[in-house]
C-alpha atoms as a PDB file:
ATOM      1  CA  MET A   1      18.702 -30.990 -19.043  1.00  0.00           C
ATOM      2  CA  ARG A   2      15.430 -32.228 -17.596  1.00  0.00           C
ATOM      3  CA  GLY A   3      16.323 -30.661 -14.234  1.00  0.00           C
ATOM      4  CA  LEU A   4      16.670 -27.222 -15.810  1.00  0.00           C
ATOM      5  CA  GLY A   5      13.128 -27.425 -17.172  1.00  0.00           C
ATOM      6  CA  ILE A   6      11.783 -28.129 -13.695  1.00  0.00           C
ATOM      7  CA  VAL A   7      13.721 -25.183 -12.244  1.00  0.00           C
ATOM      8  CA  ALA A   8      12.405 -22.877 -14.976  1.00  0.00           C
ATOM      9  CA  VAL A   9       8.823 -23.948 -14.312  1.00  0.00           C
ATOM     10  CA  ALA A  10       9.289 -23.418 -10.573  1.00  0.00           C
ATOM     11  CA  MET A  11      10.723 -19.947 -11.180  1.00  0.00           C
ATOM     12  CA  LEU A  12       7.819 -18.992 -13.436  1.00  0.00           C
ATOM     13  CA  ALA A  13       5.306 -20.246 -10.895  1.00  0.00           C
ATOM     14  CA  GLY A  14       6.985 -18.140  -8.223  1.00  0.00           C
ATOM     15  CA  CYS A  15       6.826 -15.055 -10.410  1.00  0.00           C
ATOM     16  CA  SER A  16       3.134 -15.462 -11.136  1.00  0.00           C
ATOM     17  CA  GLY A  17       2.391 -15.686  -7.411  1.00  0.00           C
ATOM     18  CA  GLY A  18       4.314 -12.459  -6.802  1.00  0.00           C
ATOM     19  CA  SER A  19       2.516 -10.796  -9.686  1.00  0.00           C
ATOM     20  CA  ALA A  20      -0.885 -11.663  -8.211  1.00  0.00           C
ATOM     21  CA  ASP A  21       0.172 -10.312  -4.811  1.00  0.00           C
ATOM     22  CA  ILE A  22       1.418  -7.070  -6.385  1.00  0.00           C
ATOM     23  CA  LYS A  23      -1.812  -6.606  -8.345  1.00  0.00           C
ATOM     24  CA  ALA A  24      -3.905  -7.239  -5.225  1.00  0.00           C
ATOM     25  CA  ALA A  25      -1.853  -4.693  -3.257  1.00  0.00           C
ATOM     26  CA  GLN A  26      -2.185  -2.158  -6.103  1.00  0.00           C
ATOM     27  CA  ALA A  27      -5.958  -2.594  -6.005  1.00  0.00           C
ATOM     28  CA  ALA A  28      -5.843  -2.055  -2.238  1.00  0.00           C
ATOM     29  CA  VAL A  29      -3.959   1.230  -2.782  1.00  0.00           C
ATOM     30  CA  THR A  30      -6.687   2.335  -5.202  1.00  0.00           C
ATOM     31  CA  GLY A  31      -9.260   1.537  -2.496  1.00  0.00           C
ATOM     32  CA  PHE A  32      -7.196   3.402   0.103  1.00  0.00           C
ATOM     33  CA  HIS A  33      -7.168   6.554  -2.031  1.00  0.00           C
ATOM     34  CA  ALA A  34     -10.898   6.267  -2.801  1.00  0.00           C
ATOM     35  CA  ALA A  35     -11.667   5.978   0.925  1.00  0.00           C
ATOM     36  CA  LEU A  36      -9.294   8.868   1.699  1.00  0.00           C
ATOM     37  CA  ASN A  37     -11.024  11.060  -0.885  1.00  0.00           C
ATOM     38  CA  ALA A  38     -14.418  10.138   0.602  1.00  0.00           C
ATOM     39  CA  GLU A  39     -13.092  10.899   4.122  1.00  0.00           C
ATOM     40  CA  ARG A  40     -13.820   7.311   5.234  1.00  0.00           C
ATOM     41  CA  TYR A  41     -10.830   7.188   7.553  1.00  0.00           C
ATOM     42  CA  GLN A  42     -12.369   4.701   9.999  1.00  0.00           C
ATOM     43  CA  ALA A  43     -12.995   2.329   7.086  1.00  0.00           C
ATOM     44  CA  ILE A  44      -9.313   2.503   6.179  1.00  0.00           C
ATOM     45  CA  TYR A  45      -8.396   1.675   9.767  1.00  0.00           C
ATOM     46  CA  ALA A  46     -10.879  -1.209   9.884  1.00  0.00           C
ATOM     47  CA  GLU A  47      -9.126  -2.821   6.904  1.00  0.00           C
ATOM     48  CA  THR A  48      -5.618  -2.682   8.388  1.00  0.00           C
ATOM     49  CA  ALA A  49      -3.687  -5.724   9.568  1.00  0.00           C
ATOM     50  CA  PRO A  50      -3.643  -6.659  13.268  1.00  0.00           C
ATOM     51  CA  GLN A  51       0.039  -5.652  13.548  1.00  0.00           C
ATOM     52  CA  PHE A  52      -0.827  -2.188  12.209  1.00  0.00           C
ATOM     53  CA  ARG A  53      -3.606  -1.774  14.780  1.00  0.00           C
ATOM     54  CA  ALA A  54      -1.282  -3.015  17.532  1.00  0.00           C
ATOM     55  CA  ASN A  55       1.123  -0.138  16.795  1.00  0.00           C
ATOM     56  CA  THR A  56      -1.253   2.629  15.719  1.00  0.00           C
ATOM     57  CA  PRO A  57      -4.387   3.685  17.609  1.00  0.00           C
ATOM     58  CA  GLN A  58      -7.399   4.477  15.422  1.00  0.00           C
ATOM     59  CA  ASP A  59      -7.608   8.130  16.487  1.00  0.00           C
ATOM     60  CA  ARG A  60      -3.975   8.682  15.522  1.00  0.00           C
ATOM     61  CA  LEU A  61      -4.452   7.303  12.002  1.00  0.00           C
ATOM     62  CA  VAL A  62      -7.718   9.203  11.575  1.00  0.00           C
ATOM     63  CA  LYS A  63      -5.977  12.468  12.526  1.00  0.00           C
ATOM     64  CA  LEU A  64      -3.139  11.773  10.087  1.00  0.00           C
ATOM     65  CA  LEU A  65      -5.473  10.930   7.202  1.00  0.00           C
ATOM     66  CA  ALA A  66      -7.665  13.969   7.913  1.00  0.00           C
ATOM     67  CA  ALA A  67      -4.558  16.192   7.855  1.00  0.00           C
ATOM     68  CA  ILE A  68      -3.399  14.665   4.578  1.00  0.00           C
ATOM     69  CA  HIS A  69      -6.798  15.257   3.001  1.00  0.00           C
ATOM     70  CA  ARG A  70      -7.104  18.770   4.430  1.00  0.00           C
ATOM     71  CA  LYS A  71      -3.634  19.844   3.314  1.00  0.00           C
ATOM     72  CA  LEU A  72      -3.343  18.001  -0.015  1.00  0.00           C
ATOM     73  CA  GLY A  73      -6.959  17.502  -1.096  1.00  0.00           C
ATOM     74  CA  ASP A  74      -8.142  14.540  -3.119  1.00  0.00           C
ATOM     75  CA  ALA A  75      -5.685  11.953  -4.373  1.00  0.00           C
ATOM     76  CA  GLY A  76      -5.518  11.853  -8.144  1.00  0.00           C
ATOM     77  CA  GLU A  77      -3.028  10.299 -10.516  1.00  0.00           C
ATOM     78  CA  THR A  78      -0.676   7.735  -9.027  1.00  0.00           C
ATOM     79  CA  ARG A  79       2.488   6.411 -10.567  1.00  0.00           C
ATOM     80  CA  LEU A  80       4.151   3.273  -9.266  1.00  0.00           C
ATOM     81  CA  GLN A  81       7.815   4.016  -8.564  1.00  0.00           C
ATOM     82  CA  GLY A  82       8.860   0.618  -7.275  1.00  0.00           C
ATOM     83  CA  TRP A  83       7.783  -2.552  -5.531  1.00  0.00           C
ATOM     84  CA  ASN A  84       9.181  -5.345  -3.424  1.00  0.00           C
ATOM     85  CA  VAL A  85       7.707  -8.664  -2.356  1.00  0.00           C
ATOM     86  CA  GLN A  86       9.052 -10.483   0.684  1.00  0.00           C
ATOM     87  CA  TYR A  87       7.968 -14.031   1.389  1.00  0.00           C
ATOM     88  CA  ALA A  88       8.710 -15.296   4.877  1.00  0.00           C
ATOM     89  CA  THR A  89       7.435 -18.024   7.163  1.00  0.00           C
ATOM     90  CA  GLY A  90       6.197 -15.424   9.675  1.00  0.00           C
ATOM     91  CA  GLY A  91       4.200 -13.540   7.059  1.00  0.00           C
ATOM     92  CA  SER A  92       4.690 -12.140   3.599  1.00  0.00           C
ATOM     93  CA  ALA A  93       4.375  -8.549   2.431  1.00  0.00           C
ATOM     94  CA  VAL A  94       4.267  -6.362  -0.660  1.00  0.00           C
ATOM     95  CA  THR A  95       5.812  -2.894  -0.488  1.00  0.00           C
ATOM     96  CA  LEU A  96       4.681  -0.382  -3.109  1.00  0.00           C
ATOM     97  CA  THR A  97       6.138   3.101  -3.558  1.00  0.00           C
ATOM     98  CA  TYR A  98       3.985   5.624  -5.412  1.00  0.00           C
ATOM     99  CA  GLN A  99       4.336   9.179  -6.617  1.00  0.00           C
ATOM    100  CA  THR A 100       0.823  10.540  -6.048  1.00  0.00           C
ATOM    101  CA  ARG A 101      -0.533  13.791  -7.409  1.00  0.00           C
ATOM    102  CA  TYR A 102      -3.036  15.288  -5.004  1.00  0.00           C
ATOM    103  CA  ALA A 103      -5.250  18.299  -5.753  1.00  0.00           C
ATOM    104  CA  LYS A 104      -2.863  20.583  -3.828  1.00  0.00           C
ATOM    105  CA  GLY A 105       0.495  18.919  -4.252  1.00  0.00           C
ATOM    106  CA  VAL A 106       2.578  15.825  -4.770  1.00  0.00           C
ATOM    107  CA  ALA A 107       3.559  13.091  -2.327  1.00  0.00           C
ATOM    108  CA  THR A 108       5.703   9.999  -2.227  1.00  0.00           C
ATOM    109  CA  GLU A 109       3.736   7.255  -0.503  1.00  0.00           C
ATOM    110  CA  VAL A 110       4.963   3.877   0.681  1.00  0.00           C
ATOM    111  CA  PHE A 111       2.356   1.194   1.321  1.00  0.00           C
ATOM    112  CA  VAL A 112       3.129  -2.169   2.893  1.00  0.00           C
ATOM    113  CA  TYR A 113       0.406  -4.800   2.509  1.00  0.00           C
ATOM    114  CA  SER A 114       0.247  -8.351   3.727  1.00  0.00           C
ATOM    115  CA  THR A 115      -0.169 -10.972   1.055  1.00  0.00           C
ATOM    116  CA  GLY A 116      -3.397 -12.925   1.129  1.00  0.00           C
ATOM    117  CA  THR A 117      -7.014 -12.305   0.410  1.00  0.00           C
ATOM    118  CA  PRO A 118      -7.689  -9.535   1.001  1.00  0.00           C
ATOM    119  CA  PRO A 119      -4.355  -7.786   1.454  1.00  0.00           C
ATOM    120  CA  ARG A 120      -4.224  -5.844   4.727  1.00  0.00           C
ATOM    121  CA  LEU A 121      -2.328  -2.617   5.328  1.00  0.00           C
ATOM    122  CA  ILE A 122       0.705  -3.217   7.532  1.00  0.00           C
ATOM    123  CA  GLY A 123       2.456   0.108   7.064  1.00  0.00           C
ATOM    124  CA  TYR A 124       1.968   3.515   5.488  1.00  0.00           C
ATOM    125  CA  ASN A 125       4.354   6.429   5.057  1.00  0.00           C
ATOM    126  CA  ILE A 126       3.856   9.722   3.235  1.00  0.00           C
ATOM    127  CA  ASN A 127       6.504  12.284   2.367  1.00  0.00           C
ATOM    128  CA  SER A 128       5.313  15.571   0.899  1.00  0.00           C
ATOM    129  CA  PRO A 129       6.942  19.002   1.138  1.00  0.00           C
ATOM    130  CA  ASP A 130       3.680  20.351  -0.312  1.00  0.00           C
ATOM    131  CA  MET A 131       1.758  18.969   2.653  1.00  0.00           C
ATOM    132  CA  MET A 132       4.157  20.679   5.027  1.00  0.00           C
ATOM    133  CA  MET A 133       3.747  24.018   3.253  1.00  0.00           C
ATOM    134  CA  ASN A 134      -0.066  23.961   2.948  1.00  0.00           C
END
């Protein structure tokens, strides 16, 4: 019976670590949207993870973010649709999927952030028929 108590404590400790990583990534998404609304695209790029910068040149991300802002306007209400935390020896990540209401439409956004302080953007994907139509 004593062994079960130790397992339960270990499981709870693991959950609290994941919870902190999720909350940190959620705060990073809030910062992402604030910077997007303020058209601070270079600042968003500067806060990305090295693996993001290795795969995406700054001018390419800036053009994408400018198009998102131009076609959808300011980001407003966000609703978390789902999350996933992956812990691995090569690096850990939090994936958050949001339904975001922009001034001119709605988008599904997927953010992937590294765990750690601060979380760094590893991946970003947006899907919005409204953006395509505007």
